[in-house]
């Protein structure tokens, strides 16, 4: 189930994004980015629809996924 990011409390959204960024260890290219920069990138991806917040009722978990990967799962 996709949860609209706009409906999540701003502090909760920031915490969720920070947890995602720290857990994923995503490669951001040659230059290392700060946590704040990584959070801002994910926030931009959510705002433009590239990424979505997913809730799994089965696992009772929340995650951030790239929209383009949803059909391959």
PDB file of N, CA and C in Angstrom:
ATOM      1  N   UNK A   1       0.846  -1.161   0.000  1.00  0.00           N
ATOM      2  CA  UNK A   1       0.000   0.000   0.000  1.00  0.00           C
ATOM      3  C   UNK A   1       0.903   1.239   0.000  1.00  0.00           C
ATOM      4  N   UNK A   2       0.639   2.158  -0.919  1.00  0.00           N
ATOM      5  CA  UNK A   2       1.402   3.402  -0.979  1.00  0.00           C
ATOM      6  C   UNK A   2       0.795   4.410  -0.009  1.00  0.00           C
ATOM      7  N   UNK A   3       1.646   5.004   0.807  1.00  0.00           N
ATOM      8  CA  UNK A   3       1.233   6.028   1.766  1.00  0.00           C
ATOM      9  C   UNK A   3       1.665   7.393   1.222  1.00  0.00           C
ATOM     10  N   UNK A   4       0.742   8.321   1.004  1.00  0.00           N
ATOM     11  CA  UNK A   4       1.135   9.650   0.524  1.00  0.00           C
ATOM     12  C   UNK A   4       2.055  10.339   1.526  1.00  0.00           C
ATOM     13  N   UNK A   5       3.243  10.740   1.057  1.00  0.00           N
ATOM     14  CA  UNK A   5       4.227  11.348   1.951  1.00  0.00           C
ATOM     15  C   UNK A   5       3.703  12.644   2.555  1.00  0.00           C
ATOM     16  N   UNK A   6       2.788  13.322   1.856  1.00  0.00           N
ATOM     17  CA  UNK A   6       2.238  14.586   2.344  1.00  0.00           C
ATOM     18  C   UNK A   6       1.380  14.396   3.592  1.00  0.00           C
ATOM     19  N   UNK A   7       0.903  13.182   3.811  1.00  0.00           N
ATOM     20  CA  UNK A   7       0.032  12.901   4.953  1.00  0.00           C
ATOM     21  C   UNK A   7       0.803  12.468   6.198  1.00  0.00           C
ATOM     22  N   UNK A   8       2.125  12.398   6.096  1.00  0.00           N
ATOM     23  CA  UNK A   8       2.948  11.978   7.224  1.00  0.00           C
ATOM     24  C   UNK A   8       3.464  13.220   7.947  1.00  0.00           C
ATOM     25  N   UNK A   9       3.402  13.197   9.263  1.00  0.00           N
ATOM     26  CA  UNK A   9       3.925  14.298  10.072  1.00  0.00           C
ATOM     27  C   UNK A   9       5.352  14.619   9.622  1.00  0.00           C
ATOM     28  N   UNK A  10       5.699  15.899   9.441  1.00  0.00           N
ATOM     29  CA  UNK A  10       7.031  16.267   8.933  1.00  0.00           C
ATOM     30  C   UNK A  10       8.196  15.667   9.725  1.00  0.00           C
ATOM     31  N   UNK A  11       8.110  15.642  11.040  1.00  0.00           N
ATOM     32  CA  UNK A  11       9.186  15.050  11.845  1.00  0.00           C
ATOM     33  C   UNK A  11       9.278  13.544  11.620  1.00  0.00           C
ATOM     34  N   UNK A  12       8.139  12.890  11.525  1.00  0.00           N
ATOM     35  CA  UNK A  12       8.111  11.454  11.266  1.00  0.00           C
ATOM     36  C   UNK A  12       8.674  11.155   9.890  1.00  0.00           C
ATOM     37  N   UNK A  13       8.320  11.978   8.904  1.00  0.00           N
ATOM     38  CA  UNK A  13       8.840  11.796   7.550  1.00  0.00           C
ATOM     39  C   UNK A  13      10.358  11.933   7.537  1.00  0.00           C
ATOM     40  N   UNK A  14      10.881  12.935   8.204  1.00  0.00           N
ATOM     41  CA  UNK A  14      12.331  13.130   8.264  1.00  0.00           C
ATOM     42  C   UNK A  14      12.998  11.925   8.911  1.00  0.00           C
ATOM     43  N   UNK A  15      12.438  11.436  10.007  1.00  0.00           N
ATOM     44  CA  UNK A  15      12.994  10.254  10.684  1.00  0.00           C
ATOM     45  C   UNK A  15      12.963   9.030   9.776  1.00  0.00           C
ATOM     46  N   UNK A  16      11.875   8.850   9.046  1.00  0.00           N
ATOM     47  CA  UNK A  16      11.740   7.722   8.132  1.00  0.00           C
ATOM     48  C   UNK A  16      12.788   7.805   7.027  1.00  0.00           C
ATOM     49  N   UNK A  17      12.966   8.989   6.447  1.00  0.00           N
ATOM     50  CA  UNK A  17      13.952   9.165   5.382  1.00  0.00           C
ATOM     51  C   UNK A  17      15.361   8.944   5.918  1.00  0.00           C
ATOM     52  N   UNK A  18      15.663   9.497   7.092  1.00  0.00           N
ATOM     53  CA  UNK A  18      16.996   9.305   7.681  1.00  0.00           C
ATOM     54  C   UNK A  18      17.272   7.820   7.917  1.00  0.00           C
ATOM     55  N   UNK A  19      16.293   7.111   8.446  1.00  0.00           N
ATOM     56  CA  UNK A  19      16.456   5.677   8.686  1.00  0.00           C
ATOM     57  C   UNK A  19      16.718   4.951   7.373  1.00  0.00           C
ATOM     58  N   UNK A  20      15.973   5.297   6.340  1.00  0.00           N
ATOM     59  CA  UNK A  20      16.141   4.690   5.020  1.00  0.00           C
ATOM     60  C   UNK A  20      17.548   4.949   4.476  1.00  0.00           C
ATOM     61  N   UNK A  21      17.984   6.200   4.534  1.00  0.00           N
ATOM     62  CA  UNK A  21      19.293   6.578   3.996  1.00  0.00           C
ATOM     63  C   UNK A  21      20.413   5.860   4.753  1.00  0.00           C
ATOM     64  N   UNK A  22      20.318   5.805   6.058  1.00  0.00           N
ATOM     65  CA  UNK A  22      21.362   5.159   6.858  1.00  0.00           C
ATOM     66  C   UNK A  22      21.372   3.647   6.652  1.00  0.00           C
ATOM     67  N   UNK A  23      20.221   3.068   6.470  1.00  0.00           N
ATOM     68  CA  UNK A  23      20.106   1.621   6.282  1.00  0.00           C
ATOM     69  C   UNK A  23      20.551   1.198   4.888  1.00  0.00           C
ATOM     70  N   UNK A  24      20.206   1.983   3.881  1.00  0.00           N
ATOM     71  CA  UNK A  24      20.473   1.601   2.504  1.00  0.00           C
ATOM     72  C   UNK A  24      21.946   1.674   2.130  1.00  0.00           C
ATOM     73  N   UNK A  25      22.677   2.647   2.662  1.00  0.00           N
ATOM     74  CA  UNK A  25      24.072   2.787   2.275  1.00  0.00           C
ATOM     75  C   UNK A  25      24.216   3.012   0.781  1.00  0.00           C
ATOM     76  N   UNK A  26      23.300   3.754   0.217  1.00  0.00           N
ATOM     77  CA  UNK A  26      23.242   3.972  -1.224  1.00  0.00           C
ATOM     78  C   UNK A  26      24.481   4.700  -1.732  1.00  0.00           C
ATOM     79  N   UNK A  27      24.919   4.336  -2.935  1.00  0.00           N
ATOM     80  CA  UNK A  27      26.050   4.994  -3.583  1.00  0.00           C
ATOM     81  C   UNK A  27      25.564   6.284  -4.223  1.00  0.00           C
ATOM     82  N   UNK A  28      26.149   7.402  -3.799  1.00  0.00           N
ATOM     83  CA  UNK A  28      25.740   8.707  -4.310  1.00  0.00           C
ATOM     84  C   UNK A  28      26.760   9.288  -5.274  1.00  0.00           C
ATOM     85  N   UNK A  29      27.654   8.450  -5.805  1.00  0.00           N
ATOM     86  CA  UNK A  29      28.615   8.926  -6.775  1.00  0.00           C
ATOM     87  C   UNK A  29      30.006   9.112  -6.181  1.00  0.00           C
ATOM     88  N   UNK A  30      30.820   9.872  -6.902  1.00  0.00           N
ATOM     89  CA  UNK A  30      32.212  10.077  -6.521  1.00  0.00           C
ATOM     90  C   UNK A  30      32.329  10.865  -5.227  1.00  0.00           C
ATOM     91  N   UNK A  31      31.488  11.871  -5.074  1.00  0.00           N
ATOM     92  CA  UNK A  31      31.552  12.761  -3.913  1.00  0.00           C
ATOM     93  C   UNK A  31      30.594  12.265  -2.830  1.00  0.00           C
ATOM     94  N   UNK A  32      31.102  12.119  -1.626  1.00  0.00           N
ATOM     95  CA  UNK A  32      30.257  11.700  -0.498  1.00  0.00           C
ATOM     96  C   UNK A  32      29.344  12.854  -0.087  1.00  0.00           C
ATOM     97  N   UNK A  33      28.107  12.538   0.181  1.00  0.00           N
ATOM     98  CA  UNK A  33      27.133  13.542   0.593  1.00  0.00           C
ATOM     99  C   UNK A  33      26.888  13.450   2.087  1.00  0.00           C
ATOM    100  N   UNK A  34      26.509  14.571   2.681  1.00  0.00           N
ATOM    101  CA  UNK A  34      26.146  14.581   4.093  1.00  0.00           C
ATOM    102  C   UNK A  34      24.782  13.919   4.260  1.00  0.00           C
ATOM    103  N   UNK A  35      24.457  13.571   5.493  1.00  0.00           N
ATOM    104  CA  UNK A  35      23.148  12.987   5.779  1.00  0.00           C
ATOM    105  C   UNK A  35      22.050  13.946   5.330  1.00  0.00           C
ATOM    106  N   UNK A  36      22.225  15.218   5.599  1.00  0.00           N
ATOM    107  CA  UNK A  36      21.222  16.220   5.209  1.00  0.00           C
ATOM    108  C   UNK A  36      21.031  16.249   3.691  1.00  0.00           C
ATOM    109  N   UNK A  37      22.109  16.164   2.940  1.00  0.00           N
ATOM    110  CA  UNK A  37      22.008  16.167   1.481  1.00  0.00           C
ATOM    111  C   UNK A  37      21.298  14.914   0.979  1.00  0.00           C
ATOM    112  N   UNK A  38      21.611  13.773   1.579  1.00  0.00           N
ATOM    113  CA  UNK A  38      20.959  12.524   1.193  1.00  0.00           C
ATOM    114  C   UNK A  38      19.471  12.570   1.500  1.00  0.00           C
ATOM    115  N   UNK A  39      19.123  13.085   2.675  1.00  0.00           N
ATOM    116  CA  UNK A  39      17.710  13.215   3.059  1.00  0.00           C
ATOM    117  C   UNK A  39      16.996  14.136   2.075  1.00  0.00           C
ATOM    118  N   UNK A  40      17.619  15.240   1.717  1.00  0.00           N
ATOM    119  CA  UNK A  40      17.005  16.172   0.768  1.00  0.00           C
ATOM    120  C   UNK A  40      16.789  15.534  -0.603  1.00  0.00           C
ATOM    121  N   UNK A  41      17.736  14.710  -1.039  1.00  0.00           N
ATOM    122  CA  UNK A  41      17.567  14.014  -2.317  1.00  0.00           C
ATOM    123  C   UNK A  41      16.368  13.076  -2.284  1.00  0.00           C
ATOM    124  N   UNK A  42      16.246  12.319  -1.214  1.00  0.00           N
ATOM    125  CA  UNK A  42      15.107  11.395  -1.100  1.00  0.00           C
ATOM    126  C   UNK A  42      13.807  12.189  -1.012  1.00  0.00           C
ATOM    127  N   UNK A  43      13.823  13.280  -0.273  1.00  0.00           N
ATOM    128  CA  UNK A  43      12.627  14.134  -0.165  1.00  0.00           C
ATOM    129  C   UNK A  43      12.215  14.656  -1.552  1.00  0.00           C
ATOM    130  N   UNK A  44      13.203  15.042  -2.369  1.00  0.00           N
ATOM    131  CA  UNK A  44      12.922  15.505  -3.733  1.00  0.00           C
ATOM    132  C   UNK A  44      12.343  14.372  -4.578  1.00  0.00           C
ATOM    133  N   UNK A  45      12.872  13.171  -4.409  1.00  0.00           N
ATOM    134  CA  UNK A  45      12.348  12.021  -5.155  1.00  0.00           C
ATOM    135  C   UNK A  45      10.905  11.734  -4.767  1.00  0.00           C
ATOM    136  N   UNK A  46      10.577  11.891  -3.502  1.00  0.00           N
ATOM    137  CA  UNK A  46       9.193  11.712  -3.061  1.00  0.00           C
ATOM    138  C   UNK A  46       8.298  12.795  -3.658  1.00  0.00           C
ATOM    139  N   UNK A  47       8.769  14.031  -3.629  1.00  0.00           N
ATOM    140  CA  UNK A  47       7.977  15.166  -4.109  1.00  0.00           C
ATOM    141  C   UNK A  47       7.678  15.066  -5.599  1.00  0.00           C
ATOM    142  N   UNK A  48       8.624  14.566  -6.383  1.00  0.00           N
ATOM    143  CA  UNK A  48       8.398  14.491  -7.831  1.00  0.00           C
ATOM    144  C   UNK A  48       7.800  13.153  -8.256  1.00  0.00           C
ATOM    145  N   UNK A  49       7.600  12.250  -7.312  1.00  0.00           N
ATOM    146  CA  UNK A  49       6.946  10.981  -7.619  1.00  0.00           C
ATOM    147  C   UNK A  49       7.881   9.859  -8.040  1.00  0.00           C
ATOM    148  N   UNK A  50       9.197  10.096  -8.025  1.00  0.00           N
ATOM    149  CA  UNK A  50      10.153   9.040  -8.365  1.00  0.00           C
ATOM    150  C   UNK A  50      10.187   7.956  -7.298  1.00  0.00           C
ATOM    151  N   UNK A  51       9.967   8.354  -6.052  1.00  0.00           N
ATOM    152  CA  UNK A  51       9.980   7.415  -4.929  1.00  0.00           C
ATOM    153  C   UNK A  51       8.636   7.475  -4.214  1.00  0.00           C
ATOM    154  N   UNK A  52       8.296   6.385  -3.559  1.00  0.00           N
ATOM    155  CA  UNK A  52       7.042   6.306  -2.804  1.00  0.00           C
ATOM    156  C   UNK A  52       7.300   5.646  -1.460  1.00  0.00           C
ATOM    157  N   UNK A  53       6.427   5.907  -0.523  1.00  0.00           N
ATOM    158  CA  UNK A  53       6.487   5.265   0.785  1.00  0.00           C
ATOM    159  C   UNK A  53       5.499   4.105   0.772  1.00  0.00           C
ATOM    160  N   UNK A  54       6.022   2.923   1.065  1.00  0.00           N
ATOM    161  CA  UNK A  54       5.219   1.710   1.019  1.00  0.00           C
ATOM    162  C   UNK A  54       5.016   1.152   2.422  1.00  0.00           C
ATOM    163  N   UNK A  55       3.785   0.751   2.703  1.00  0.00           N
ATOM    164  CA  UNK A  55       3.480   0.051   3.951  1.00  0.00           C
ATOM    165  C   UNK A  55       3.102  -1.380   3.606  1.00  0.00           C
ATOM    166  N   UNK A  56       3.748  -2.331   4.256  1.00  0.00           N
ATOM    167  CA  UNK A  56       3.430  -3.739   4.066  1.00  0.00           C
ATOM    168  C   UNK A  56       2.579  -4.209   5.238  1.00  0.00           C
ATOM    169  N   UNK A  57       1.337  -4.525   4.956  1.00  0.00           N
ATOM    170  CA  UNK A  57       0.462  -5.052   6.008  1.00  0.00           C
ATOM    171  C   UNK A  57       0.953  -6.418   6.475  1.00  0.00           C
ATOM    172  N   UNK A  58       1.466  -7.212   5.543  1.00  0.00           N
ATOM    173  CA  UNK A  58       1.945  -8.547   5.869  1.00  0.00           C
ATOM    174  C   UNK A  58       3.100  -8.500   6.862  1.00  0.00           C
ATOM    175  N   UNK A  59       4.068  -7.606   6.603  1.00  0.00           N
ATOM    176  CA  UNK A  59       5.252  -7.523   7.456  1.00  0.00           C
ATOM    177  C   UNK A  59       5.181  -6.404   8.488  1.00  0.00           C
ATOM    178  N   UNK A  60       4.132  -5.579   8.387  1.00  0.00           N
ATOM    179  CA  UNK A  60       3.953  -4.422   9.270  1.00  0.00           C
ATOM    180  C   UNK A  60       5.204  -3.545   9.257  1.00  0.00           C
ATOM    181  N   UNK A  61       5.659  -3.232   8.030  1.00  0.00           N
ATOM    182  CA  UNK A  61       6.847  -2.405   7.853  1.00  0.00           C
ATOM    183  C   UNK A  61       6.548  -1.252   6.898  1.00  0.00           C
ATOM    184  N   UNK A  62       7.387  -0.225   7.005  1.00  0.00           N
ATOM    185  CA  UNK A  62       7.312   0.921   6.108  1.00  0.00           C
ATOM    186  C   UNK A  62       8.667   1.033   5.419  1.00  0.00           C
ATOM    187  N   UNK A  63       8.642   1.303   4.117  1.00  0.00           N
ATOM    188  CA  UNK A  63       9.875   1.424   3.368  1.00  0.00           C
ATOM    189  C   UNK A  63       9.706   2.467   2.281  1.00  0.00           C
ATOM    190  N   UNK A  64      10.810   2.933   1.737  1.00  0.00           N
ATOM    191  CA  UNK A  64      10.801   3.862   0.612  1.00  0.00           C
ATOM    192  C   UNK A  64      11.312   3.086  -0.590  1.00  0.00           C
ATOM    193  N   UNK A  65      10.569   3.159  -1.682  1.00  0.00           N
ATOM    194  CA  UNK A  65      10.919   2.433  -2.906  1.00  0.00           C
ATOM    195  C   UNK A  65      10.914   3.391  -4.082  1.00  0.00           C
ATOM    196  N   UNK A  66      11.784   3.117  -5.045  1.00  0.00           N
ATOM    197  CA  UNK A  66      11.710   3.844  -6.302  1.00  0.00           C
ATOM    198  C   UNK A  66      10.502   3.318  -7.067  1.00  0.00           C
ATOM    199  N   UNK A  67       9.709   4.223  -7.586  1.00  0.00           N
ATOM    200  CA  UNK A  67       8.479   3.833  -8.278  1.00  0.00           C
ATOM    201  C   UNK A  67       8.767   2.871  -9.429  1.00  0.00           C
ATOM    202  N   UNK A  68       9.883   3.077 -10.138  1.00  0.00           N
ATOM    203  CA  UNK A  68      10.183   2.244 -11.304  1.00  0.00           C
ATOM    204  C   UNK A  68      10.477   0.794 -10.937  1.00  0.00           C
ATOM    205  N   UNK A  69      10.775   0.526  -9.665  1.00  0.00           N
ATOM    206  CA  UNK A  69      11.068  -0.845  -9.252  1.00  0.00           C
ATOM    207  C   UNK A  69       9.831  -1.592  -8.749  1.00  0.00           C
ATOM    208  N   UNK A  70       8.715  -0.908  -8.616  1.00  0.00           N
ATOM    209  CA  UNK A  70       7.533  -1.544  -8.016  1.00  0.00           C
ATOM    210  C   UNK A  70       6.971  -2.659  -8.873  1.00  0.00           C
ATOM    211  N   UNK A  71       7.032  -2.541 -10.174  1.00  0.00           N
ATOM    212  CA  UNK A  71       6.442  -3.562 -11.036  1.00  0.00           C
ATOM    213  C   UNK A  71       7.315  -4.805 -11.143  1.00  0.00           C
ATOM    214  N   UNK A  72       8.592  -4.683 -10.779  1.00  0.00           N
ATOM    215  CA  UNK A  72       9.492  -5.827 -10.879  1.00  0.00           C
ATOM    216  C   UNK A  72       9.501  -6.681  -9.612  1.00  0.00           C
ATOM    217  N   UNK A  73       8.781  -6.269  -8.576  1.00  0.00           N
ATOM    218  CA  UNK A  73       8.789  -7.025  -7.322  1.00  0.00           C
ATOM    219  C   UNK A  73       7.638  -7.994  -7.262  1.00  0.00           C
TER     220      UNK A  73
END
